[in-house]
Amino acid sequence: MKASQPPRRRPDRPRMCFVIGPIGDQYAAHGSPEREAYEHHLGIFEQVIAPACEKYEIAVVRADGIAHAGDINEQVCRHVIESDLVIADVSGGNPNVMYELGLRHITGRATIHIGEAGQLPFDIASIRTIRYQRARSHLAGARREIESALEAGMRDGFELLTPARVVRALQSVDWQSLPNRGEGGEDEEGTADENPSGLLDDFAAIEDGLEEMTAHMGALTKVIETIGTLSDQSNIEMLDLVQANAPARVRLAAVVRYAESLSALAGEMNTVAGAFAERMVTMDSGVRAVLGLIEVMSPDERDETAGELLGWLIELNESAQAGLTQIVSLGASASDLVQVSRHLRDPVRDISTAVQRMISAIACMGEWAGKARDLAQDTQHPTG
């Protein structure tokens, strides 16, 4: 029984707690979702987290409370990695929160999860999370649970949390035991290693996901091309009917046939876009965590596998952006069809939904690629 207990870090008394979680926008208009999010999460910080930490004389700060001037992204990363304790509000699976949480999990240092009931992300559902509801009585209960977690941690040691799949794989690697590599993939003793990259196993899950997303994009491109061909044929048929002065009922019958064919394709497009967006949700936190890991490594420590992943992320985004142009163009064209006949409304709605899903998902790819491009430049032109 004892051997099955999760490992714990030594129970040093934490002196500094960094809080990661959604922040919102305090300058947004009153009543807007951004302003409501700011007020809500500020309330959680002030009424739940800060009082619990202060009870044990632990200083507490969140990103918008960092007083020192400097690069905010660098400051946040340092707080996430170096703070004695991190309390993470994972409500809603905010991408920035999941990225920062991935970095924290890699360190194995004390971390406490909290989250609003019904808003907990699936990919970290296995990790014990202190749940709260917005009622005042529930907030008081959440504060007491944090206090209990702090008391137990300082007495017995904090559990090493089990992170999401990709980060869990990263955590299993003993970085200190990896040989230093010279040219040709050899270690300091000149012995070739059968596994030339310490990151190879860790990147496998991400590469599989990227291959799947590439396949989705290929399928989506084929559907869009088929829709384009179908629409061209319909336009020719309608032009012939107009020139022949065909009755409205005859032209309507042609539109109905077009709508029936378009409906199947639009449904397929929406399904593929949904699968792409769903895969993006599960990939985003893992990719950001790996990029964060590469970032904290010196350029000399990054091997060929890291470079290949960075290159792949850049290429995937370029391909996605090219496809996005087609997708947006199709969405704009489809919106005009609604005025033609009510029979076209359902397929147009499916196309519009697919377009919005892809725009949101590909925006994440752009963020990956931007970070990957910066890291690739650092690797090619190291400073210091």
Protein backbone atom coordinates (compact mmCIF):
# COMPACT_ATOMS: atom_id res chain seq x y z
CA MET A 1 0.00 0.00 0.00
CA LYS A 2 2.75 2.42 0.90
CA ALA A 3 4.52 1.95 -2.42
CA SER A 4 1.38 2.94 -4.32
CA GLN A 5 1.15 6.37 -2.69
CA PRO A 6 2.09 9.30 -4.94
CA PRO A 7 5.56 10.72 -4.30
CA ARG A 8 5.90 13.87 -2.25
CA ARG A 9 8.44 16.66 -2.26
CA ARG A 10 10.12 17.57 1.01
CA PRO A 11 7.87 19.76 3.17
CA ASP A 12 9.72 23.05 3.00
CA ARG A 13 7.50 25.86 4.21
CA PRO A 14 6.38 27.87 1.18
CA ARG A 15 7.01 31.61 1.40
CA MET A 16 5.75 32.77 -1.99
CA CYS A 17 2.60 31.66 -3.84
CA PHE A 18 1.98 32.59 -7.46
CA VAL A 19 -1.63 32.36 -8.64
CA ILE A 20 -2.35 31.42 -12.23
CA GLY A 21 -5.84 31.58 -13.68
CA PRO A 22 -8.14 33.55 -15.98
CA ILE A 23 -7.90 37.28 -15.32
CA GLY A 24 -10.28 39.01 -17.73
CA ASP A 25 -10.09 42.69 -18.58
CA GLN A 26 -10.62 45.30 -15.89
CA TYR A 27 -10.88 48.04 -18.53
CA ALA A 28 -13.64 46.35 -20.52
CA ALA A 29 -17.13 47.82 -20.56
CA HIS A 30 -19.35 47.11 -17.55
CA GLY A 31 -21.52 44.08 -18.18
CA SER A 32 -19.23 42.66 -20.87
CA PRO A 33 -18.03 39.03 -20.54
CA GLU A 34 -14.43 40.24 -20.16
CA ARG A 35 -15.31 42.60 -17.32
CA GLU A 36 -17.48 40.00 -15.57
CA ALA A 37 -14.61 37.48 -15.83
CA TYR A 38 -12.25 40.04 -14.27
CA GLU A 39 -14.59 40.76 -11.35
CA HIS A 40 -15.28 37.08 -10.74
CA HIS A 41 -11.66 35.91 -10.71
CA LEU A 42 -10.53 38.94 -8.71
CA GLY A 43 -13.14 37.93 -6.14
CA ILE A 44 -11.79 34.36 -6.03
CA PHE A 45 -8.29 35.73 -5.51
CA GLU A 46 -9.26 38.20 -2.79
CA GLN A 47 -11.89 36.13 -0.95
CA VAL A 48 -10.52 32.59 -1.28
CA ILE A 49 -6.87 32.28 -2.24
CA ALA A 50 -5.23 35.29 -0.58
CA PRO A 51 -6.84 34.79 2.87
CA ALA A 52 -5.88 31.09 2.87
CA CYS A 53 -2.27 31.90 2.07
CA GLU A 54 -2.09 34.80 4.51
CA LYS A 55 -3.18 32.48 7.33
CA TYR A 56 0.17 30.71 6.92
CA GLU A 57 2.13 33.90 6.23
CA ILE A 58 2.60 33.05 2.57
CA ALA A 59 2.96 36.05 0.25
CA VAL A 60 0.60 35.76 -2.71
CA VAL A 61 0.57 37.46 -6.12
CA ARG A 62 -0.97 36.97 -9.54
CA ALA A 63 0.23 38.21 -12.93
CA ASP A 64 -1.49 41.60 -12.86
CA GLY A 65 0.01 42.24 -9.43
CA ILE A 66 3.68 41.90 -10.44
CA ALA A 67 5.19 45.23 -9.47
CA HIS A 68 8.57 45.08 -11.21
CA ALA A 69 9.01 46.50 -14.70
CA GLY A 70 10.08 44.11 -17.43
CA ASP A 71 8.83 41.56 -19.95
CA ILE A 72 5.57 40.28 -18.44
CA ASN A 73 5.80 36.90 -20.24
CA GLU A 74 9.29 36.27 -18.83
CA GLN A 75 8.19 37.39 -15.37
CA VAL A 76 5.19 35.06 -15.39
CA CYS A 77 7.30 32.11 -16.53
CA ARG A 78 9.82 32.75 -13.77
CA HIS A 79 7.08 32.96 -11.13
CA VAL A 80 5.48 29.77 -12.46
CA ILE A 81 8.75 27.86 -12.33
CA GLU A 82 10.44 29.36 -9.26
CA SER A 83 7.64 30.11 -6.76
CA ASP A 84 7.47 27.88 -3.69
CA LEU A 85 3.78 27.28 -4.35
CA VAL A 86 1.40 27.74 -7.26
CA ILE A 87 -2.38 27.80 -6.93
CA ALA A 88 -4.00 27.31 -10.33
CA ASP A 89 -7.61 28.16 -11.12
CA VAL A 90 -8.28 25.81 -14.04
CA SER A 91 -11.89 26.91 -14.62
CA GLY A 92 -12.78 26.63 -18.30
CA GLY A 93 -9.41 25.27 -19.41
CA ASN A 94 -8.07 28.72 -20.41
CA PRO A 95 -5.19 28.07 -22.89
CA ASN A 96 -2.76 30.45 -21.15
CA VAL A 97 -3.53 28.84 -17.80
CA MET A 98 -2.99 25.34 -19.18
CA TYR A 99 0.30 26.43 -20.76
CA GLU A 100 1.56 27.88 -17.47
CA LEU A 101 0.28 24.85 -15.57
CA GLY A 102 2.19 22.56 -17.93
CA LEU A 103 5.40 24.43 -17.14
CA ARG A 104 4.69 24.15 -13.44
CA HIS A 105 4.02 20.41 -13.60
CA ILE A 106 7.43 19.85 -15.17
CA THR A 107 9.12 21.28 -12.05
CA GLY A 108 7.34 18.85 -9.72
CA ARG A 109 6.96 21.64 -7.16
CA ALA A 110 3.98 22.30 -4.89
CA THR A 111 0.80 23.00 -6.87
CA ILE A 112 -2.83 23.21 -5.79
CA HIS A 113 -5.68 23.11 -8.31
CA ILE A 114 -8.98 24.90 -7.81
CA GLY A 115 -11.83 25.32 -10.25
CA GLU A 116 -15.46 26.28 -10.62
CA ALA A 117 -17.79 23.28 -10.51
CA GLY A 118 -18.85 22.29 -14.02
CA GLN A 119 -15.98 24.20 -15.62
CA LEU A 120 -13.11 21.73 -15.11
CA PRO A 121 -11.13 20.75 -18.23
CA PHE A 122 -11.25 17.08 -19.19
CA ASP A 123 -7.52 16.55 -19.73
CA ILE A 124 -6.61 17.19 -16.07
CA ALA A 125 -9.75 15.66 -14.57
CA SER A 126 -7.67 12.97 -12.82
CA ILE A 127 -5.90 15.56 -10.66
CA ARG A 128 -7.54 16.41 -7.33
CA THR A 129 -9.13 19.84 -7.65
CA ILE A 130 -10.75 21.98 -4.97
CA ARG A 131 -14.11 22.90 -6.47
CA TYR A 132 -16.03 26.05 -5.71
CA GLN A 133 -19.37 27.59 -6.59
CA ARG A 134 -20.06 31.30 -6.73
CA ALA A 135 -22.26 31.37 -3.62
CA ARG A 136 -20.56 33.03 -0.65
CA SER A 137 -20.92 29.91 1.52
CA HIS A 138 -19.20 27.78 -1.10
CA LEU A 139 -16.34 30.28 -1.46
CA ALA A 140 -15.75 30.07 2.29
CA GLY A 141 -15.66 26.29 2.01
CA ALA A 142 -13.11 26.47 -0.82
CA ARG A 143 -10.92 28.76 1.30
CA ARG A 144 -10.98 26.26 4.15
CA GLU A 145 -10.07 23.42 1.77
CA ILE A 146 -7.05 25.40 0.53
CA GLU A 147 -6.05 26.04 4.14
CA SER A 148 -6.28 22.31 4.87
CA ALA A 149 -4.21 21.49 1.77
CA LEU A 150 -1.55 23.99 2.84
CA GLU A 151 -1.46 22.65 6.39
CA ALA A 152 -1.12 19.04 5.18
CA GLY A 153 1.52 20.00 2.62
CA MET A 154 3.68 21.87 5.09
CA ARG A 155 3.35 18.98 7.55
CA ASP A 156 3.72 15.95 5.27
CA GLY A 157 5.03 17.29 1.98
CA PHE A 158 3.19 18.23 -1.20
CA GLU A 159 2.18 15.51 -3.65
CA LEU A 160 3.84 15.47 -7.06
CA LEU A 161 0.84 15.93 -9.36
CA THR A 162 0.17 13.76 -12.40
CA PRO A 163 0.12 16.20 -15.34
CA ALA A 164 -1.64 15.90 -18.68
CA ARG A 165 -0.46 13.16 -21.02
CA VAL A 166 2.29 15.01 -22.85
CA VAL A 167 3.68 16.75 -19.78
CA ARG A 168 3.51 13.49 -17.83
CA ALA A 169 5.79 11.94 -20.45
CA LEU A 170 8.16 14.88 -20.20
CA GLN A 171 8.27 14.56 -16.43
CA SER A 172 9.37 10.93 -16.65
CA VAL A 173 12.63 11.86 -18.40
CA ASP A 174 15.75 12.18 -16.24
CA TRP A 175 17.32 15.14 -17.98
CA GLN A 176 20.48 15.03 -15.86
CA SER A 177 21.23 11.48 -17.00
CA LEU A 178 21.15 12.31 -20.71
CA PRO A 179 24.63 12.42 -22.29
CA ASN A 180 25.97 15.69 -23.64
CA ARG A 181 25.99 15.46 -27.42
CA GLY A 182 28.71 16.44 -29.77
CA GLU A 183 28.56 16.51 -33.54
CA GLY A 184 27.12 13.48 -35.28
CA GLY A 185 24.79 12.57 -32.38
CA GLU A 186 27.55 11.18 -30.19
CA ASP A 187 28.00 11.64 -26.45
CA GLU A 188 31.11 12.96 -24.71
CA GLU A 189 32.78 9.52 -24.93
CA GLY A 190 32.12 9.33 -28.66
CA THR A 191 29.57 6.53 -28.37
CA ALA A 192 26.57 6.73 -30.68
CA ASP A 193 23.28 6.44 -28.87
CA GLU A 194 20.47 4.34 -30.36
CA ASN A 195 18.07 7.04 -29.20
CA PRO A 196 19.74 10.27 -30.36
CA SER A 197 17.18 12.56 -28.73
CA GLY A 198 16.07 12.84 -25.15
CA LEU A 199 12.86 14.44 -26.40
CA LEU A 200 12.04 11.78 -28.99
CA ASP A 201 9.57 9.79 -26.90
CA ASP A 202 8.07 12.97 -25.47
CA PHE A 203 7.30 14.41 -28.89
CA ALA A 204 5.71 11.23 -30.25
CA ALA A 205 2.22 12.02 -28.94
CA ILE A 206 2.35 15.55 -30.32
CA GLU A 207 3.59 14.39 -33.72
CA ASP A 208 0.77 11.85 -33.92
CA GLY A 209 -1.70 14.61 -33.16
CA LEU A 210 -0.18 16.92 -35.75
CA GLU A 211 -0.35 14.17 -38.38
CA GLU A 212 -4.02 13.66 -37.57
CA MET A 213 -4.67 17.40 -37.88
CA THR A 214 -2.83 17.47 -41.21
CA ALA A 215 -5.08 14.66 -42.42
CA HIS A 216 -8.15 16.62 -41.32
CA MET A 217 -6.92 19.65 -43.26
CA GLY A 218 -6.40 17.51 -46.36
CA ALA A 219 -9.91 16.10 -46.08
CA LEU A 220 -11.31 19.59 -45.59
CA THR A 221 -9.52 20.84 -48.71
CA LYS A 222 -11.07 18.05 -50.78
CA VAL A 223 -14.56 18.88 -49.50
CA ILE A 224 -14.07 22.56 -50.29
CA GLU A 225 -12.90 21.73 -53.82
CA THR A 226 -15.94 19.48 -54.33
CA ILE A 227 -18.25 22.24 -53.08
CA GLY A 228 -16.58 24.63 -55.52
CA THR A 229 -17.14 22.24 -58.43
CA LEU A 230 -20.77 21.66 -57.42
CA SER A 231 -21.39 25.40 -57.12
CA ASP A 232 -19.86 26.07 -60.55
CA GLN A 233 -22.14 23.45 -62.12
CA SER A 234 -25.16 24.93 -60.36
CA ASN A 235 -24.27 28.43 -61.54
CA ILE A 236 -24.04 27.23 -65.15
CA GLU A 237 -27.40 25.46 -64.85
CA MET A 238 -29.05 28.53 -63.34
CA LEU A 239 -27.59 30.80 -66.04
CA ASP A 240 -28.98 28.50 -68.75
CA LEU A 241 -32.41 28.54 -67.10
CA VAL A 242 -32.41 32.33 -66.83
CA GLN A 243 -31.40 32.72 -70.46
CA ALA A 244 -34.15 30.29 -71.44
CA ASN A 245 -36.62 32.37 -69.41
CA ALA A 246 -37.58 29.27 -67.41
CA PRO A 247 -40.42 29.65 -64.87
CA ALA A 248 -39.54 30.34 -61.25
CA ARG A 249 -40.68 26.86 -60.16
CA VAL A 250 -38.20 25.26 -62.56
CA ARG A 251 -35.36 27.42 -61.26
CA LEU A 252 -36.45 26.65 -57.67
CA ALA A 253 -36.31 22.91 -58.42
CA ALA A 254 -32.72 23.36 -59.61
CA VAL A 255 -31.88 25.22 -56.39
CA VAL A 256 -33.44 22.44 -54.31
CA ARG A 257 -31.30 19.84 -56.09
CA TYR A 258 -28.22 21.98 -55.47
CA ALA A 259 -29.19 22.45 -51.80
CA GLU A 260 -29.58 18.68 -51.30
CA SER A 261 -26.15 17.97 -52.74
CA LEU A 262 -24.61 20.91 -50.90
CA SER A 263 -26.18 19.81 -47.61
CA ALA A 264 -24.29 16.52 -47.57
CA LEU A 265 -20.99 18.23 -48.34
CA ALA A 266 -21.59 21.02 -45.82
CA GLY A 267 -22.37 18.44 -43.14
CA GLU A 268 -19.16 16.58 -43.95
CA MET A 269 -17.22 19.85 -43.84
CA ASN A 270 -18.67 20.70 -40.44
CA THR A 271 -17.86 17.22 -39.11
CA VAL A 272 -14.23 17.42 -40.24
CA ALA A 273 -13.88 20.96 -38.89
CA GLY A 274 -15.34 19.80 -35.57
CA ALA A 275 -12.85 16.93 -35.36
CA PHE A 276 -10.03 19.34 -36.19
CA ALA A 277 -11.14 21.82 -33.52
CA GLU A 278 -11.62 19.04 -30.95
CA ARG A 279 -8.13 17.74 -31.63
CA MET A 280 -6.83 21.27 -31.25
CA VAL A 281 -8.31 21.50 -27.74
CA THR A 282 -6.41 18.41 -26.61
CA MET A 283 -3.22 19.41 -28.43
CA ASP A 284 -2.96 23.06 -27.43
CA SER A 285 -1.86 22.71 -23.81
CA GLY A 286 0.59 19.93 -24.69
CA VAL A 287 2.22 21.86 -27.54
CA ARG A 288 2.50 24.99 -25.42
CA ALA A 289 4.05 22.97 -22.59
CA VAL A 290 6.65 21.44 -24.92
CA LEU A 291 7.45 24.84 -26.42
CA GLY A 292 7.87 26.15 -22.88
CA LEU A 293 10.25 23.30 -22.09
CA ILE A 294 12.32 23.99 -25.21
CA GLU A 295 12.40 27.67 -24.26
CA VAL A 296 13.94 27.03 -20.84
CA MET A 297 16.64 24.85 -22.43
CA SER A 298 19.74 26.60 -23.72
CA PRO A 299 20.14 26.56 -27.53
CA ASP A 300 23.07 24.14 -27.18
CA GLU A 301 20.85 21.63 -25.36
CA ARG A 302 18.26 21.51 -28.13
CA ASP A 303 18.75 18.57 -30.44
CA GLU A 304 17.53 17.65 -33.91
CA THR A 305 14.19 16.38 -32.68
CA ALA A 306 13.38 19.75 -31.11
CA GLY A 307 14.36 21.46 -34.37
CA GLU A 308 12.19 19.10 -36.39
CA LEU A 309 9.17 19.80 -34.20
CA LEU A 310 9.68 23.57 -34.46
CA GLY A 311 9.96 23.28 -38.24
CA TRP A 312 6.85 21.13 -38.41
CA LEU A 313 4.81 23.63 -36.40
CA ILE A 314 5.92 26.44 -38.73
CA GLU A 315 5.12 24.44 -41.88
CA LEU A 316 1.79 23.27 -40.54
CA ASN A 317 0.74 26.86 -39.86
CA GLU A 318 1.77 27.97 -43.35
CA SER A 319 -0.33 25.19 -44.85
CA ALA A 320 -3.21 26.03 -42.52
CA GLN A 321 -3.10 29.72 -43.42
CA ALA A 322 -3.26 28.86 -47.13
CA GLY A 323 -6.25 26.62 -46.46
CA LEU A 324 -7.85 29.29 -44.31
CA THR A 325 -7.98 31.63 -47.29
CA GLN A 326 -10.10 29.05 -49.14
CA ILE A 327 -12.27 28.46 -46.10
CA VAL A 328 -12.98 32.14 -45.48
CA SER A 329 -13.70 32.71 -49.17
CA LEU A 330 -16.17 29.82 -49.16
CA GLY A 331 -17.84 31.19 -46.04
CA ALA A 332 -18.28 34.61 -47.63
CA SER A 333 -19.75 33.09 -50.79
CA ALA A 334 -22.07 30.80 -48.85
CA SER A 335 -23.53 33.68 -46.83
CA ASP A 336 -24.91 35.20 -50.02
CA LEU A 337 -26.86 32.00 -50.80
CA VAL A 338 -29.25 32.51 -47.89
CA GLN A 339 -31.06 35.18 -49.88
CA VAL A 340 -31.66 32.81 -52.79
CA SER A 341 -33.87 30.22 -51.09
CA ARG A 342 -34.76 28.92 -47.64
CA HIS A 343 -33.62 25.47 -48.82
CA LEU A 344 -30.03 26.71 -48.65
CA ARG A 345 -30.17 27.92 -45.05
CA ASP A 346 -29.21 24.62 -43.38
CA PRO A 347 -26.14 23.90 -45.52
CA VAL A 348 -25.05 27.53 -45.26
CA ARG A 349 -25.34 27.30 -41.47
CA ASP A 350 -23.15 24.17 -41.46
CA ILE A 351 -20.57 25.88 -43.64
CA SER A 352 -20.55 29.00 -41.45
CA THR A 353 -20.10 26.89 -38.31
CA ALA A 354 -17.23 25.00 -39.92
CA VAL A 355 -15.58 28.26 -40.97
CA GLN A 356 -15.75 29.69 -37.46
CA ARG A 357 -14.35 26.49 -35.96
CA MET A 358 -11.41 26.51 -38.34
CA ILE A 359 -10.66 30.21 -37.84
CA SER A 360 -10.45 29.71 -34.07
CA ALA A 361 -8.39 26.53 -34.32
CA ILE A 362 -5.95 27.90 -36.88
CA ALA A 363 -5.42 30.99 -34.71
CA CYS A 364 -3.85 28.64 -32.13
CA MET A 365 -1.57 27.26 -34.84
CA GLY A 366 -0.44 30.79 -35.61
CA GLU A 367 0.53 31.25 -31.96
CA TRP A 368 2.43 27.93 -31.98
CA ALA A 369 4.26 28.90 -35.15
CA GLY A 370 5.18 32.36 -33.83
CA LYS A 371 6.75 30.83 -30.73
CA ALA A 372 8.40 28.06 -32.76
CA ARG A 373 9.86 30.64 -35.15
CA ASP A 374 11.37 32.62 -32.27
CA LEU A 375 12.85 29.48 -30.73
CA ALA A 376 14.24 28.35 -34.09
CA GLN A 377 15.96 31.71 -34.51
CA ASP A 378 17.42 31.44 -30.99
CA THR A 379 18.79 28.00 -31.87
CA GLN A 380 20.38 29.27 -35.10
CA HIS A 381 21.74 32.47 -33.52
CA PRO A 382 22.37 31.79 -29.81
CA THR A 383 23.21 34.78 -27.66
CA GLY A 384 25.52 35.04 -24.67
